[in-house]
Amino acid sequence: MIIAPDGIQPAEIKKIVVYKGGDAPAQWHDLVTYGIIDIASKQKTKIKSRTLSAVGKDLGLLEPVRYTINAMPVAAADLRIALDAIGEIKITRATPEAPVVTVAISVRPPKPSPPDPPGTIRIR
């Protein structure tokens, strides 16, 4: 499942695995161009999510659809994305030159941290 960069708290992390290429699980090979960070949480967490194909159906798209996430093509339409991770969706309709609809999903950037309260001193 794809989540927003701030979708999990450090204290909730059980294990992190970084995939840099061919070592990624087969279902993720089309996403591994820049690497994948697989985060396992300590407890099961309920995250509202949808498959990419369900997102396409919600948008009323019935024809063949191609999906991209942050400009990277995704072959597996059964990949899930957390609803709060979706920053923007752009649809490029099919044309005679390009007979497939493209759904470009941008993952939202992390929310900025709140400012430190007045009088806070940070030591590095």
C-alpha atoms as a PDB file:
ATOM      1  CA  MET A   1       0.000   0.000   0.000  1.00  0.00           C
ATOM      2  CA  ILE A   2       1.247   3.456  -0.780  1.00  0.00           C
ATOM      3  CA  ILE A   3       0.955   5.909   2.102  1.00  0.00           C
ATOM      4  CA  ALA A   4       1.870   9.550   2.556  1.00  0.00           C
ATOM      5  CA  PRO A   5       5.405  10.254   3.829  1.00  0.00           C
ATOM      6  CA  ASP A   6       4.013  11.249   7.226  1.00  0.00           C
ATOM      7  CA  GLY A   7       1.518   8.372   7.361  1.00  0.00           C
ATOM      8  CA  ILE A   8       3.289   6.409  10.091  1.00  0.00           C
ATOM      9  CA  GLN A   9       4.912   7.455  13.341  1.00  0.00           C
ATOM     10  CA  PRO A  10       8.465   6.256  14.188  1.00  0.00           C
ATOM     11  CA  ALA A  11       7.321   4.592  17.425  1.00  0.00           C
ATOM     12  CA  GLU A  12       4.923   2.404  15.373  1.00  0.00           C
ATOM     13  CA  ILE A  13       7.674   0.915  13.158  1.00  0.00           C
ATOM     14  CA  LYS A  14       8.590  -2.738  13.652  1.00  0.00           C
ATOM     15  CA  LYS A  15      10.834  -3.258  10.612  1.00  0.00           C
ATOM     16  CA  ILE A  16      12.091  -1.348   7.566  1.00  0.00           C
ATOM     17  CA  VAL A  17      13.374  -3.017   4.390  1.00  0.00           C
ATOM     18  CA  VAL A  18      14.864  -1.026   1.517  1.00  0.00           C
ATOM     19  CA  TYR A  19      14.664  -2.511  -1.988  1.00  0.00           C
ATOM     20  CA  LYS A  20      16.975  -0.984  -4.585  1.00  0.00           C
ATOM     21  CA  GLY A  21      16.259  -3.008  -7.685  1.00  0.00           C
ATOM     22  CA  GLY A  22      15.826  -6.644  -8.630  1.00  0.00           C
ATOM     23  CA  ASP A  23      15.606  -7.671  -4.973  1.00  0.00           C
ATOM     24  CA  ALA A  24      12.096  -6.185  -4.729  1.00  0.00           C
ATOM     25  CA  PRO A  25       9.119  -8.562  -4.613  1.00  0.00           C
ATOM     26  CA  ALA A  26       7.720  -9.332  -8.073  1.00  0.00           C
ATOM     27  CA  GLN A  27       4.507  -7.317  -7.580  1.00  0.00           C
ATOM     28  CA  TRP A  28       6.596  -4.164  -6.990  1.00  0.00           C
ATOM     29  CA  HIS A  29       9.083  -4.468  -9.875  1.00  0.00           C
ATOM     30  CA  ASP A  30       7.404  -1.697 -11.868  1.00  0.00           C
ATOM     31  CA  LEU A  31       7.755   0.690  -8.901  1.00  0.00           C
ATOM     32  CA  VAL A  32      11.392   0.022  -8.020  1.00  0.00           C
ATOM     33  CA  THR A  33      12.967   2.601 -10.364  1.00  0.00           C
ATOM     34  CA  TYR A  34      13.981   4.829  -7.449  1.00  0.00           C
ATOM     35  CA  GLY A  35      13.781   2.198  -4.725  1.00  0.00           C
ATOM     36  CA  ILE A  36      11.073   1.080  -2.340  1.00  0.00           C
ATOM     37  CA  ILE A  37      10.901   1.400   1.419  1.00  0.00           C
ATOM     38  CA  ASP A  38       8.802  -1.371   2.942  1.00  0.00           C
ATOM     39  CA  ILE A  39       7.663  -0.434   6.458  1.00  0.00           C
ATOM     40  CA  ALA A  40       6.094  -3.005   8.789  1.00  0.00           C
ATOM     41  CA  SER A  41       4.216  -1.598  11.762  1.00  0.00           C
ATOM     42  CA  LYS A  42       4.158  -3.135  15.239  1.00  0.00           C
ATOM     43  CA  GLN A  43       0.385  -3.365  15.269  1.00  0.00           C
ATOM     44  CA  LYS A  44      -2.189  -3.798  12.549  1.00  0.00           C
ATOM     45  CA  THR A  45      -3.326  -0.374  11.474  1.00  0.00           C
ATOM     46  CA  LYS A  46      -6.571   0.439   9.696  1.00  0.00           C
ATOM     47  CA  ILE A  47      -5.879   2.748   6.770  1.00  0.00           C
ATOM     48  CA  LYS A  48      -8.633   3.833   4.409  1.00  0.00           C
ATOM     49  CA  SER A  49      -7.384   2.798   1.001  1.00  0.00           C
ATOM     50  CA  ARG A  50      -8.512   1.871  -2.509  1.00  0.00           C
ATOM     51  CA  THR A  51      -7.002  -0.096  -5.334  1.00  0.00           C
ATOM     52  CA  LEU A  52      -5.931   1.944  -8.339  1.00  0.00           C
ATOM     53  CA  SER A  53      -8.628   0.261 -10.432  1.00  0.00           C
ATOM     54  CA  ALA A  54     -11.260   1.259  -7.827  1.00  0.00           C
ATOM     55  CA  VAL A  55      -9.994   4.860  -7.984  1.00  0.00           C
ATOM     56  CA  GLY A  56     -10.443   4.706 -11.777  1.00  0.00           C
ATOM     57  CA  LYS A  57     -13.980   3.351 -11.431  1.00  0.00           C
ATOM     58  CA  ASP A  58     -14.796   6.068  -8.873  1.00  0.00           C
ATOM     59  CA  LEU A  59     -13.723   8.575 -11.520  1.00  0.00           C
ATOM     60  CA  GLY A  60     -16.110   6.962 -14.018  1.00  0.00           C
ATOM     61  CA  LEU A  61     -13.364   5.480 -16.201  1.00  0.00           C
ATOM     62  CA  LEU A  62     -14.415   2.265 -17.910  1.00  0.00           C
ATOM     63  CA  GLU A  63     -12.044   2.125 -20.865  1.00  0.00           C
ATOM     64  CA  PRO A  64      -8.477   0.779 -20.651  1.00  0.00           C
ATOM     65  CA  VAL A  65      -6.638   2.836 -18.022  1.00  0.00           C
ATOM     66  CA  ARG A  66      -2.931   3.339 -17.370  1.00  0.00           C
ATOM     67  CA  TYR A  67      -1.869   4.528 -13.902  1.00  0.00           C
ATOM     68  CA  THR A  68       1.144   6.523 -12.794  1.00  0.00           C
ATOM     69  CA  ILE A  69       2.172   7.460  -9.279  1.00  0.00           C
ATOM     70  CA  ASN A  70       4.497  10.460  -9.016  1.00  0.00           C
ATOM     71  CA  ALA A  71       5.099  10.110 -12.779  1.00  0.00           C
ATOM     72  CA  MET A  72       6.195   6.448 -12.489  1.00  0.00           C
ATOM     73  CA  PRO A  73       4.100   3.948 -14.483  1.00  0.00           C
ATOM     74  CA  VAL A  74       2.340   1.300 -12.408  1.00  0.00           C
ATOM     75  CA  ALA A  75       1.340  -1.943 -14.122  1.00  0.00           C
ATOM     76  CA  ALA A  76      -0.527  -3.459 -11.159  1.00  0.00           C
ATOM     77  CA  ALA A  77      -3.981  -1.836 -10.938  1.00  0.00           C
ATOM     78  CA  ASP A  78      -4.615  -3.876  -7.778  1.00  0.00           C
ATOM     79  CA  LEU A  79      -1.995  -1.836  -5.876  1.00  0.00           C
ATOM     80  CA  ARG A  80      -3.631  -0.026  -2.939  1.00  0.00           C
ATOM     81  CA  ILE A  81      -3.146   3.632  -2.109  1.00  0.00           C
ATOM     82  CA  ALA A  82      -4.150   5.317   1.147  1.00  0.00           C
ATOM     83  CA  LEU A  83      -6.820   7.915   0.464  1.00  0.00           C
ATOM     84  CA  ASP A  84      -5.039  10.541   2.568  1.00  0.00           C
ATOM     85  CA  ALA A  85      -1.874  10.005   0.492  1.00  0.00           C
ATOM     86  CA  ILE A  86      -3.516  11.257  -2.695  1.00  0.00           C
ATOM     87  CA  GLY A  87      -2.476  14.833  -3.305  1.00  0.00           C
ATOM     88  CA  GLU A  88      -3.709  15.310  -6.859  1.00  0.00           C
ATOM     89  CA  ILE A  89      -5.234  13.266  -9.672  1.00  0.00           C
ATOM     90  CA  LYS A  90      -4.920  14.279 -13.317  1.00  0.00           C
ATOM     91  CA  ILE A  91      -6.778  12.424 -16.057  1.00  0.00           C
ATOM     92  CA  THR A  92      -5.601  12.411 -19.662  1.00  0.00           C
ATOM     93  CA  ARG A  93      -8.425  11.162 -21.863  1.00  0.00           C
ATOM     94  CA  ALA A  94      -7.900   8.704 -24.697  1.00  0.00           C
ATOM     95  CA  THR A  95      -7.258  10.043 -28.195  1.00  0.00           C
ATOM     96  CA  PRO A  96      -6.832   8.277 -31.543  1.00  0.00           C
ATOM     97  CA  GLU A  97      -3.061   8.663 -31.093  1.00  0.00           C
ATOM     98  CA  ALA A  98      -3.113   7.418 -27.470  1.00  0.00           C
ATOM     99  CA  PRO A  99      -6.106   5.067 -27.056  1.00  0.00           C
ATOM    100  CA  VAL A 100      -5.598   4.580 -23.307  1.00  0.00           C
ATOM    101  CA  VAL A 101      -6.754   6.867 -20.509  1.00  0.00           C
ATOM    102  CA  THR A 102      -3.971   7.892 -18.126  1.00  0.00           C
ATOM    103  CA  VAL A 103      -4.619   8.549 -14.442  1.00  0.00           C
ATOM    104  CA  ALA A 104      -1.676  10.396 -12.907  1.00  0.00           C
ATOM    105  CA  ILE A 105      -1.724  10.337  -9.114  1.00  0.00           C
ATOM    106  CA  SER A 106       0.607  12.541  -7.105  1.00  0.00           C
ATOM    107  CA  VAL A 107       1.320  11.539  -3.520  1.00  0.00           C
ATOM    108  CA  ARG A 108       0.907  14.540  -1.265  1.00  0.00           C
ATOM    109  CA  PRO A 109       4.042  15.911   0.396  1.00  0.00           C
ATOM    110  CA  PRO A 110       4.439  15.512   4.159  1.00  0.00           C
ATOM    111  CA  LYS A 111       2.594  17.968   6.325  1.00  0.00           C
ATOM    112  CA  PRO A 112       4.927  20.582   7.803  1.00  0.00           C
ATOM    113  CA  SER A 113       5.838  20.123  11.441  1.00  0.00           C
ATOM    114  CA  PRO A 114       4.253  22.606  13.813  1.00  0.00           C
ATOM    115  CA  PRO A 115       6.601  25.369  14.935  1.00  0.00           C
ATOM    116  CA  ASP A 116       8.374  24.987  18.244  1.00  0.00           C
ATOM    117  CA  PRO A 117       6.769  26.854  21.116  1.00  0.00           C
ATOM    118  CA  PRO A 118       8.363  30.189  22.021  1.00  0.00           C
ATOM    119  CA  GLY A 119      11.476  29.820  24.170  1.00  0.00           C
ATOM    120  CA  THR A 120      12.407  26.372  22.780  1.00  0.00           C
ATOM    121  CA  ILE A 121      16.132  25.794  22.414  1.00  0.00           C
ATOM    122  CA  ARG A 122      17.373  23.046  20.087  1.00  0.00           C
ATOM    123  CA  ILE A 123      20.755  21.475  20.708  1.00  0.00           C
ATOM    124  CA  ARG A 124      22.436  19.433  17.997  1.00  0.00           C
END
